[in-house]
């Protein structure tokens, strides 16, 4: 079985599993007098994904394949927190396209040739090439969350609101903590919103799902991202797949699958 067929089969299986969960009652209630505070839950979640405290000097690479509207988008994502480097490589049929940020400055490459932002032909500044300063910083922010949402929130100095709630979500009873926004965010309208982590205390506070209250979808209730499986990338626990739905209708939106580069 080739890689594309394997990924298609895997995503179909994941979607079928999730759809089976959609019939589960989504019961929620506040837990004002929780035995553990939201801050403690956040700390435990951080420990789960980074037990050895590696994040500040972490360097790693992910192979990522996204499926949206029946179209696959493969890319390689590299970050080095010690040197403040982010790089995204897309190997398309018509060339290899690189965008990145290093020490706060964007950089670009097309088929091995480097470009300044104002030198990039207009065609390549737009999706699906997305070679512009705006996209470089936007993708950096978004792809950092692919490595680890809780660790990215920690690095940005985010603190959860005090209230802890519980909710049955996709067949699991979760404790939830909410952040008002991702501090110092770059992407307007995406991270300047409430972000809620649904964690499972009985499973060492691993994340089951994340809700972004960005007003997307027919019911304007934002998107919910369901985590599935895990991989180890240089000592950091990373979700193996993320399935994204519109929260109100649970309509499927897209899936991201991750692999360790093996290097």
C-alpha atoms as a PDB file:
ATOM      1  CA  UNK A   1       0.000   0.000   0.000  1.00  0.00           C
ATOM      2  CA  UNK A   2       1.486   3.361  -0.987  1.00  0.00           C
ATOM      3  CA  UNK A   3       1.674   6.278   1.418  1.00  0.00           C
ATOM      4  CA  UNK A   4      -1.283   8.162  -0.049  1.00  0.00           C
ATOM      5  CA  UNK A   5      -3.601   5.136   0.160  1.00  0.00           C
ATOM      6  CA  UNK A   6      -2.395   4.448   3.697  1.00  0.00           C
ATOM      7  CA  UNK A   7      -3.187   8.003   4.767  1.00  0.00           C
ATOM      8  CA  UNK A   8      -6.600   7.927   3.092  1.00  0.00           C
ATOM      9  CA  UNK A   9      -7.479   4.651   4.851  1.00  0.00           C
ATOM     10  CA  UNK A  10      -6.230   5.981   8.157  1.00  0.00           C
ATOM     11  CA  UNK A  11      -8.209   9.204   7.909  1.00  0.00           C
ATOM     12  CA  UNK A  12     -11.388   7.324   6.910  1.00  0.00           C
ATOM     13  CA  UNK A  13     -11.021   5.116   9.978  1.00  0.00           C
ATOM     14  CA  UNK A  14     -10.460   8.137  12.209  1.00  0.00           C
ATOM     15  CA  UNK A  15     -13.505   9.907  10.808  1.00  0.00           C
ATOM     16  CA  UNK A  16     -15.704   6.818  11.308  1.00  0.00           C
ATOM     17  CA  UNK A  17     -14.572   6.564  14.927  1.00  0.00           C
ATOM     18  CA  UNK A  18     -15.347  10.212  15.548  1.00  0.00           C
ATOM     19  CA  UNK A  19     -18.751  10.025  13.878  1.00  0.00           C
ATOM     20  CA  UNK A  20     -19.619   7.149  16.189  1.00  0.00           C
ATOM     21  CA  UNK A  21     -18.899   9.448  19.123  1.00  0.00           C
ATOM     22  CA  UNK A  22     -21.171  12.194  17.853  1.00  0.00           C
ATOM     23  CA  UNK A  23     -24.232  10.445  19.259  1.00  0.00           C
ATOM     24  CA  UNK A  24     -22.840  10.619  22.778  1.00  0.00           C
ATOM     25  CA  UNK A  25     -24.613  13.172  24.936  1.00  0.00           C
ATOM     26  CA  UNK A  26     -22.515  16.324  25.262  1.00  0.00           C
ATOM     27  CA  UNK A  27     -23.297  17.057  28.941  1.00  0.00           C
ATOM     28  CA  UNK A  28     -21.519  19.990  30.565  1.00  0.00           C
ATOM     29  CA  UNK A  29     -21.590  21.552  34.010  1.00  0.00           C
ATOM     30  CA  UNK A  30     -19.521  24.011  35.986  1.00  0.00           C
ATOM     31  CA  UNK A  31     -17.259  22.820  38.745  1.00  0.00           C
ATOM     32  CA  UNK A  32     -16.775  25.878  40.897  1.00  0.00           C
ATOM     33  CA  UNK A  33     -15.111  24.046  43.807  1.00  0.00           C
ATOM     34  CA  UNK A  34     -12.755  21.807  41.892  1.00  0.00           C
ATOM     35  CA  UNK A  35     -10.261  19.763  43.883  1.00  0.00           C
ATOM     36  CA  UNK A  36      -7.567  20.961  41.502  1.00  0.00           C
ATOM     37  CA  UNK A  37      -7.289  24.487  40.122  1.00  0.00           C
ATOM     38  CA  UNK A  38      -7.116  25.462  36.463  1.00  0.00           C
ATOM     39  CA  UNK A  39      -3.491  26.499  36.963  1.00  0.00           C
ATOM     40  CA  UNK A  40      -2.639  23.095  38.422  1.00  0.00           C
ATOM     41  CA  UNK A  41      -4.393  21.340  35.531  1.00  0.00           C
ATOM     42  CA  UNK A  42      -2.383  23.439  33.095  1.00  0.00           C
ATOM     43  CA  UNK A  43       0.853  22.520  34.872  1.00  0.00           C
ATOM     44  CA  UNK A  44      -0.020  18.815  34.811  1.00  0.00           C
ATOM     45  CA  UNK A  45      -0.852  18.996  31.101  1.00  0.00           C
ATOM     46  CA  UNK A  46       2.506  20.661  30.391  1.00  0.00           C
ATOM     47  CA  UNK A  47       4.267  17.873  32.299  1.00  0.00           C
ATOM     48  CA  UNK A  48       2.472  15.247  30.232  1.00  0.00           C
ATOM     49  CA  UNK A  49       3.721  16.662  26.942  1.00  0.00           C
ATOM     50  CA  UNK A  50       7.169  17.734  28.150  1.00  0.00           C
ATOM     51  CA  UNK A  51       8.108  15.601  31.156  1.00  0.00           C
ATOM     52  CA  UNK A  52      11.800  16.560  30.980  1.00  0.00           C
ATOM     53  CA  UNK A  53      11.323  20.319  30.470  1.00  0.00           C
ATOM     54  CA  UNK A  54      12.860  20.392  26.977  1.00  0.00           C
ATOM     55  CA  UNK A  55      10.619  22.928  25.266  1.00  0.00           C
ATOM     56  CA  UNK A  56      12.687  26.100  25.695  1.00  0.00           C
ATOM     57  CA  UNK A  57      15.650  24.531  23.879  1.00  0.00           C
ATOM     58  CA  UNK A  58      13.648  22.079  21.764  1.00  0.00           C
ATOM     59  CA  UNK A  59      14.607  21.409  18.146  1.00  0.00           C
ATOM     60  CA  UNK A  60      12.563  19.018  16.029  1.00  0.00           C
ATOM     61  CA  UNK A  61      10.947  18.272  12.697  1.00  0.00           C
ATOM     62  CA  UNK A  62       7.491  17.012  11.694  1.00  0.00           C
ATOM     63  CA  UNK A  63       6.243  15.517   8.462  1.00  0.00           C
ATOM     64  CA  UNK A  64       2.664  16.777   8.136  1.00  0.00           C
ATOM     65  CA  UNK A  65      -0.091  15.800   5.694  1.00  0.00           C
ATOM     66  CA  UNK A  66      -3.357  17.740   5.645  1.00  0.00           C
ATOM     67  CA  UNK A  67      -6.595  16.540   4.056  1.00  0.00           C
ATOM     68  CA  UNK A  68      -9.184  19.201   3.224  1.00  0.00           C
ATOM     69  CA  UNK A  69     -11.885  19.148   0.567  1.00  0.00           C
ATOM     70  CA  UNK A  70     -10.417  15.921  -0.798  1.00  0.00           C
ATOM     71  CA  UNK A  71      -7.003  17.492  -1.383  1.00  0.00           C
ATOM     72  CA  UNK A  72      -3.748  16.381   0.267  1.00  0.00           C
ATOM     73  CA  UNK A  73      -1.120  18.943   1.295  1.00  0.00           C
ATOM     74  CA  UNK A  74       2.189  17.406   2.468  1.00  0.00           C
ATOM     75  CA  UNK A  75       4.810  19.595   4.112  1.00  0.00           C
ATOM     76  CA  UNK A  76       7.754  19.469   6.494  1.00  0.00           C
ATOM     77  CA  UNK A  77       7.809  21.702   9.572  1.00  0.00           C
ATOM     78  CA  UNK A  78      10.960  22.472  11.551  1.00  0.00           C
ATOM     79  CA  UNK A  79      11.339  24.548  14.701  1.00  0.00           C
ATOM     80  CA  UNK A  80      14.326  25.333  16.901  1.00  0.00           C
ATOM     81  CA  UNK A  81      13.312  27.227  20.023  1.00  0.00           C
ATOM     82  CA  UNK A  82      16.917  27.753  21.072  1.00  0.00           C
ATOM     83  CA  UNK A  83      17.792  29.689  17.901  1.00  0.00           C
ATOM     84  CA  UNK A  84      14.281  31.113  17.276  1.00  0.00           C
ATOM     85  CA  UNK A  85      14.000  29.337  13.921  1.00  0.00           C
ATOM     86  CA  UNK A  86      10.854  28.181  12.099  1.00  0.00           C
ATOM     87  CA  UNK A  87      10.809  26.674   8.613  1.00  0.00           C
ATOM     88  CA  UNK A  88       8.052  25.205   6.439  1.00  0.00           C
ATOM     89  CA  UNK A  89       8.897  23.217   3.299  1.00  0.00           C
ATOM     90  CA  UNK A  90       6.287  22.303   0.685  1.00  0.00           C
ATOM     91  CA  UNK A  91       7.374  19.903  -2.036  1.00  0.00           C
ATOM     92  CA  UNK A  92       4.814  20.398  -4.824  1.00  0.00           C
ATOM     93  CA  UNK A  93       4.637  19.021  -8.349  1.00  0.00           C
ATOM     94  CA  UNK A  94       5.868  22.368  -9.690  1.00  0.00           C
ATOM     95  CA  UNK A  95       8.699  22.989  -7.248  1.00  0.00           C
ATOM     96  CA  UNK A  96       9.959  23.200  -3.671  1.00  0.00           C
ATOM     97  CA  UNK A  97       8.749  26.216  -1.695  1.00  0.00           C
ATOM     98  CA  UNK A  98      10.165  27.316   1.642  1.00  0.00           C
ATOM     99  CA  UNK A  99       9.042  30.017   4.013  1.00  0.00           C
ATOM    100  CA  UNK A 100      10.332  30.665   7.499  1.00  0.00           C
ATOM    101  CA  UNK A 101      11.138  33.025  10.316  1.00  0.00           C
ATOM    102  CA  UNK A 102      14.469  33.359  12.096  1.00  0.00           C
ATOM    103  CA  UNK A 103      14.979  35.801  14.970  1.00  0.00           C
ATOM    104  CA  UNK A 104      11.880  37.719  13.938  1.00  0.00           C
ATOM    105  CA  UNK A 105      12.782  38.068  10.243  1.00  0.00           C
ATOM    106  CA  UNK A 106      11.049  36.165   7.425  1.00  0.00           C
ATOM    107  CA  UNK A 107      12.916  34.289   4.673  1.00  0.00           C
ATOM    108  CA  UNK A 108      11.856  32.488   1.485  1.00  0.00           C
ATOM    109  CA  UNK A 109      13.126  30.095  -1.170  1.00  0.00           C
ATOM    110  CA  UNK A 110      11.801  28.741  -4.485  1.00  0.00           C
ATOM    111  CA  UNK A 111      13.610  25.688  -5.882  1.00  0.00           C
ATOM    112  CA  UNK A 112      16.745  26.563  -3.933  1.00  0.00           C
ATOM    113  CA  UNK A 113      16.823  30.260  -4.841  1.00  0.00           C
ATOM    114  CA  UNK A 114      16.482  32.695  -1.935  1.00  0.00           C
ATOM    115  CA  UNK A 115      14.144  35.685  -2.099  1.00  0.00           C
ATOM    116  CA  UNK A 116      13.492  38.790  -0.061  1.00  0.00           C
ATOM    117  CA  UNK A 117       9.797  39.387   0.661  1.00  0.00           C
ATOM    118  CA  UNK A 118       9.519  42.228  -1.886  1.00  0.00           C
ATOM    119  CA  UNK A 119      11.186  40.114  -4.605  1.00  0.00           C
ATOM    120  CA  UNK A 120       8.661  37.262  -4.633  1.00  0.00           C
ATOM    121  CA  UNK A 121       6.478  37.147  -7.799  1.00  0.00           C
ATOM    122  CA  UNK A 122       2.843  37.962  -7.031  1.00  0.00           C
ATOM    123  CA  UNK A 123       1.685  34.466  -8.034  1.00  0.00           C
ATOM    124  CA  UNK A 124       3.710  32.899  -5.238  1.00  0.00           C
ATOM    125  CA  UNK A 125       2.550  35.338  -2.566  1.00  0.00           C
ATOM    126  CA  UNK A 126      -0.937  33.817  -2.632  1.00  0.00           C
ATOM    127  CA  UNK A 127      -2.326  30.448  -1.541  1.00  0.00           C
ATOM    128  CA  UNK A 128      -1.344  27.651  -2.057  1.00  0.00           C
ATOM    129  CA  UNK A 129       2.253  28.928  -2.201  1.00  0.00           C
ATOM    130  CA  UNK A 130       1.749  31.509   0.573  1.00  0.00           C
ATOM    131  CA  UNK A 131       5.200  33.093   0.275  1.00  0.00           C
ATOM    132  CA  UNK A 132       4.808  36.422   2.052  1.00  0.00           C
ATOM    133  CA  UNK A 133       5.820  37.939   5.369  1.00  0.00           C
ATOM    134  CA  UNK A 134       2.219  37.703   6.580  1.00  0.00           C
ATOM    135  CA  UNK A 135       1.995  34.000   5.792  1.00  0.00           C
ATOM    136  CA  UNK A 136       5.444  33.279   7.223  1.00  0.00           C
ATOM    137  CA  UNK A 137       4.424  34.636  10.637  1.00  0.00           C
ATOM    138  CA  UNK A 138       0.888  33.222  10.422  1.00  0.00           C
ATOM    139  CA  UNK A 139       2.130  29.724   9.627  1.00  0.00           C
ATOM    140  CA  UNK A 140       4.809  29.960  12.319  1.00  0.00           C
ATOM    141  CA  UNK A 141       2.140  30.667  14.913  1.00  0.00           C
ATOM    142  CA  UNK A 142      -0.206  27.964  13.643  1.00  0.00           C
ATOM    143  CA  UNK A 143       2.466  25.293  13.176  1.00  0.00           C
ATOM    144  CA  UNK A 144       3.903  25.909  16.640  1.00  0.00           C
ATOM    145  CA  UNK A 145       0.499  24.757  17.912  1.00  0.00           C
ATOM    146  CA  UNK A 146       0.887  21.542  15.884  1.00  0.00           C
ATOM    147  CA  UNK A 147       3.961  20.658  17.929  1.00  0.00           C
ATOM    148  CA  UNK A 148       2.287  21.474  21.239  1.00  0.00           C
ATOM    149  CA  UNK A 149      -0.625  23.754  22.102  1.00  0.00           C
ATOM    150  CA  UNK A 150       0.006  23.745  25.888  1.00  0.00           C
ATOM    151  CA  UNK A 151       3.741  24.371  25.509  1.00  0.00           C
ATOM    152  CA  UNK A 152       3.164  27.194  23.021  1.00  0.00           C
ATOM    153  CA  UNK A 153       0.674  28.766  25.454  1.00  0.00           C
ATOM    154  CA  UNK A 154       3.190  28.408  28.281  1.00  0.00           C
ATOM    155  CA  UNK A 155       5.990  30.003  26.256  1.00  0.00           C
ATOM    156  CA  UNK A 156       3.695  32.934  25.395  1.00  0.00           C
ATOM    157  CA  UNK A 157       2.926  33.483  29.095  1.00  0.00           C
ATOM    158  CA  UNK A 158      -0.735  32.474  28.904  1.00  0.00           C
ATOM    159  CA  UNK A 159      -2.618  31.730  32.121  1.00  0.00           C
ATOM    160  CA  UNK A 160      -6.003  29.956  32.294  1.00  0.00           C
ATOM    161  CA  UNK A 161      -9.127  31.501  33.788  1.00  0.00           C
ATOM    162  CA  UNK A 162      -9.885  30.275  37.306  1.00  0.00           C
ATOM    163  CA  UNK A 163     -13.018  28.252  36.559  1.00  0.00           C
ATOM    164  CA  UNK A 164     -12.730  24.523  35.840  1.00  0.00           C
ATOM    165  CA  UNK A 165     -15.604  22.747  34.074  1.00  0.00           C
ATOM    166  CA  UNK A 166     -16.387  19.176  33.110  1.00  0.00           C
ATOM    167  CA  UNK A 167     -17.907  17.897  29.898  1.00  0.00           C
ATOM    168  CA  UNK A 168     -18.552  14.660  28.067  1.00  0.00           C
ATOM    169  CA  UNK A 169     -16.902  15.192  24.713  1.00  0.00           C
ATOM    170  CA  UNK A 170     -16.569  12.541  22.003  1.00  0.00           C
ATOM    171  CA  UNK A 171     -17.148   9.772  24.536  1.00  0.00           C
ATOM    172  CA  UNK A 172     -14.745  11.011  27.223  1.00  0.00           C
ATOM    173  CA  UNK A 173     -15.376  12.886  30.469  1.00  0.00           C
ATOM    174  CA  UNK A 174     -12.996  15.851  30.358  1.00  0.00           C
ATOM    175  CA  UNK A 175     -11.951  18.678  32.635  1.00  0.00           C
ATOM    176  CA  UNK A 176     -11.701  21.933  30.723  1.00  0.00           C
ATOM    177  CA  UNK A 177      -9.668  25.088  31.243  1.00  0.00           C
ATOM    178  CA  UNK A 178      -9.999  28.251  29.177  1.00  0.00           C
ATOM    179  CA  UNK A 179      -7.572  30.958  28.055  1.00  0.00           C
ATOM    180  CA  UNK A 180      -8.879  34.354  26.981  1.00  0.00           C
ATOM    181  CA  UNK A 181      -6.474  34.394  24.020  1.00  0.00           C
ATOM    182  CA  UNK A 182      -3.016  33.419  22.836  1.00  0.00           C
ATOM    183  CA  UNK A 183      -0.853  36.300  24.172  1.00  0.00           C
ATOM    184  CA  UNK A 184       0.941  38.529  21.645  1.00  0.00           C
ATOM    185  CA  UNK A 185      -0.740  36.696  18.792  1.00  0.00           C
ATOM    186  CA  UNK A 186      -0.011  37.625  15.195  1.00  0.00           C
ATOM    187  CA  UNK A 187      -3.048  36.194  13.402  1.00  0.00           C
ATOM    188  CA  UNK A 188      -6.007  38.525  13.935  1.00  0.00           C
ATOM    189  CA  UNK A 189      -9.330  36.760  14.343  1.00  0.00           C
ATOM    190  CA  UNK A 190      -7.876  33.341  15.085  1.00  0.00           C
ATOM    191  CA  UNK A 191      -5.834  33.417  18.273  1.00  0.00           C
ATOM    192  CA  UNK A 192      -7.307  36.577  19.763  1.00  0.00           C
ATOM    193  CA  UNK A 193     -10.210  34.419  20.978  1.00  0.00           C
ATOM    194  CA  UNK A 194     -10.945  32.079  23.838  1.00  0.00           C
ATOM    195  CA  UNK A 195      -9.091  28.769  23.647  1.00  0.00           C
ATOM    196  CA  UNK A 196     -10.364  25.852  25.750  1.00  0.00           C
ATOM    197  CA  UNK A 197      -8.355  22.713  26.476  1.00  0.00           C
ATOM    198  CA  UNK A 198     -10.326  19.531  27.257  1.00  0.00           C
ATOM    199  CA  UNK A 199      -8.065  17.202  29.224  1.00  0.00           C
ATOM    200  CA  UNK A 200      -8.587  13.756  30.736  1.00  0.00           C
ATOM    201  CA  UNK A 201      -7.405  13.686  34.390  1.00  0.00           C
ATOM    202  CA  UNK A 202      -7.473   9.868  34.497  1.00  0.00           C
ATOM    203  CA  UNK A 203      -5.019   9.801  31.595  1.00  0.00           C
ATOM    204  CA  UNK A 204      -2.372  12.052  33.165  1.00  0.00           C
ATOM    205  CA  UNK A 205      -4.119  15.217  31.887  1.00  0.00           C
ATOM    206  CA  UNK A 206      -3.502  14.544  28.230  1.00  0.00           C
ATOM    207  CA  UNK A 207      -5.485  16.714  25.826  1.00  0.00           C
ATOM    208  CA  UNK A 208      -8.547  15.098  24.276  1.00  0.00           C
ATOM    209  CA  UNK A 209      -9.720  18.124  22.281  1.00  0.00           C
ATOM    210  CA  UNK A 210      -9.310  21.894  21.911  1.00  0.00           C
ATOM    211  CA  UNK A 211     -11.984  24.477  21.143  1.00  0.00           C
ATOM    212  CA  UNK A 212     -11.229  27.768  19.354  1.00  0.00           C
ATOM    213  CA  UNK A 213     -14.094  30.218  19.818  1.00  0.00           C
ATOM    214  CA  UNK A 214     -13.435  32.009  16.519  1.00  0.00           C
ATOM    215  CA  UNK A 215     -16.996  32.173  15.209  1.00  0.00           C
ATOM    216  CA  UNK A 216     -16.407  29.805  12.292  1.00  0.00           C
ATOM    217  CA  UNK A 217     -19.152  27.490  11.031  1.00  0.00           C
ATOM    218  CA  UNK A 218     -22.880  27.850  10.441  1.00  0.00           C
ATOM    219  CA  UNK A 219     -23.660  28.136  14.145  1.00  0.00           C
ATOM    220  CA  UNK A 220     -20.737  30.544  14.723  1.00  0.00           C
ATOM    221  CA  UNK A 221     -19.538  28.444  17.658  1.00  0.00           C
ATOM    222  CA  UNK A 222     -15.999  28.058  16.404  1.00  0.00           C
ATOM    223  CA  UNK A 223     -14.031  24.898  15.711  1.00  0.00           C
ATOM    224  CA  UNK A 224     -13.143  21.911  17.845  1.00  0.00           C
ATOM    225  CA  UNK A 225      -9.992  19.872  17.253  1.00  0.00           C
ATOM    226  CA  UNK A 226      -9.975  16.228  18.363  1.00  0.00           C
ATOM    227  CA  UNK A 227      -6.574  14.669  19.132  1.00  0.00           C
ATOM    228  CA  UNK A 228      -5.895  11.077  18.059  1.00  0.00           C
ATOM    229  CA  UNK A 229      -2.773   9.050  18.862  1.00  0.00           C
ATOM    230  CA  UNK A 230       0.680  10.295  19.802  1.00  0.00           C
ATOM    231  CA  UNK A 231       4.243  10.363  18.538  1.00  0.00           C
ATOM    232  CA  UNK A 232       7.502  11.302  20.256  1.00  0.00           C
ATOM    233  CA  UNK A 233       9.538  14.059  18.625  1.00  0.00           C
ATOM    234  CA  UNK A 234      12.891  14.602  20.352  1.00  0.00           C
ATOM    235  CA  UNK A 235      11.353  14.009  23.793  1.00  0.00           C
ATOM    236  CA  UNK A 236       8.167  16.030  23.219  1.00  0.00           C
ATOM    237  CA  UNK A 237       4.805  14.254  22.971  1.00  0.00           C
ATOM    238  CA  UNK A 238       2.990  15.370  19.787  1.00  0.00           C
ATOM    239  CA  UNK A 239      -0.515  14.340  18.630  1.00  0.00           C
ATOM    240  CA  UNK A 240      -0.348  11.889  15.711  1.00  0.00           C
ATOM    241  CA  UNK A 241      -3.518  13.323  14.147  1.00  0.00           C
ATOM    242  CA  UNK A 242      -5.863  16.250  14.634  1.00  0.00           C
ATOM    243  CA  UNK A 243      -9.418  16.086  13.313  1.00  0.00           C
ATOM    244  CA  UNK A 244     -11.154  19.449  13.053  1.00  0.00           C
ATOM    245  CA  UNK A 245     -14.927  19.991  13.180  1.00  0.00           C
ATOM    246  CA  UNK A 246     -17.255  22.965  13.325  1.00  0.00           C
ATOM    247  CA  UNK A 247     -18.365  22.952  16.945  1.00  0.00           C
ATOM    248  CA  UNK A 248     -22.124  23.508  16.703  1.00  0.00           C
ATOM    249  CA  UNK A 249     -22.917  21.080  13.886  1.00  0.00           C
ATOM    250  CA  UNK A 250     -19.896  18.777  14.280  1.00  0.00           C
ATOM    251  CA  UNK A 251     -19.478  19.030  10.517  1.00  0.00           C
ATOM    252  CA  UNK A 252     -16.091  17.651   9.482  1.00  0.00           C
ATOM    253  CA  UNK A 253     -13.658  20.334   8.272  1.00  0.00           C
ATOM    254  CA  UNK A 254     -10.164  18.864   7.881  1.00  0.00           C
ATOM    255  CA  UNK A 255      -7.566  16.502   9.307  1.00  0.00           C
ATOM    256  CA  UNK A 256      -3.830  16.865   9.915  1.00  0.00           C
ATOM    257  CA  UNK A 257      -1.647  13.757  10.245  1.00  0.00           C
ATOM    258  CA  UNK A 258       1.901  13.901  11.645  1.00  0.00           C
ATOM    259  CA  UNK A 259       4.984  11.724  11.463  1.00  0.00           C
ATOM    260  CA  UNK A 260       8.409  11.994  13.045  1.00  0.00           C
ATOM    261  CA  UNK A 261      10.979  12.808  10.359  1.00  0.00           C
ATOM    262  CA  UNK A 262      13.154   9.956  11.636  1.00  0.00           C
ATOM    263  CA  UNK A 263      16.321  12.017  11.249  1.00  0.00           C
END
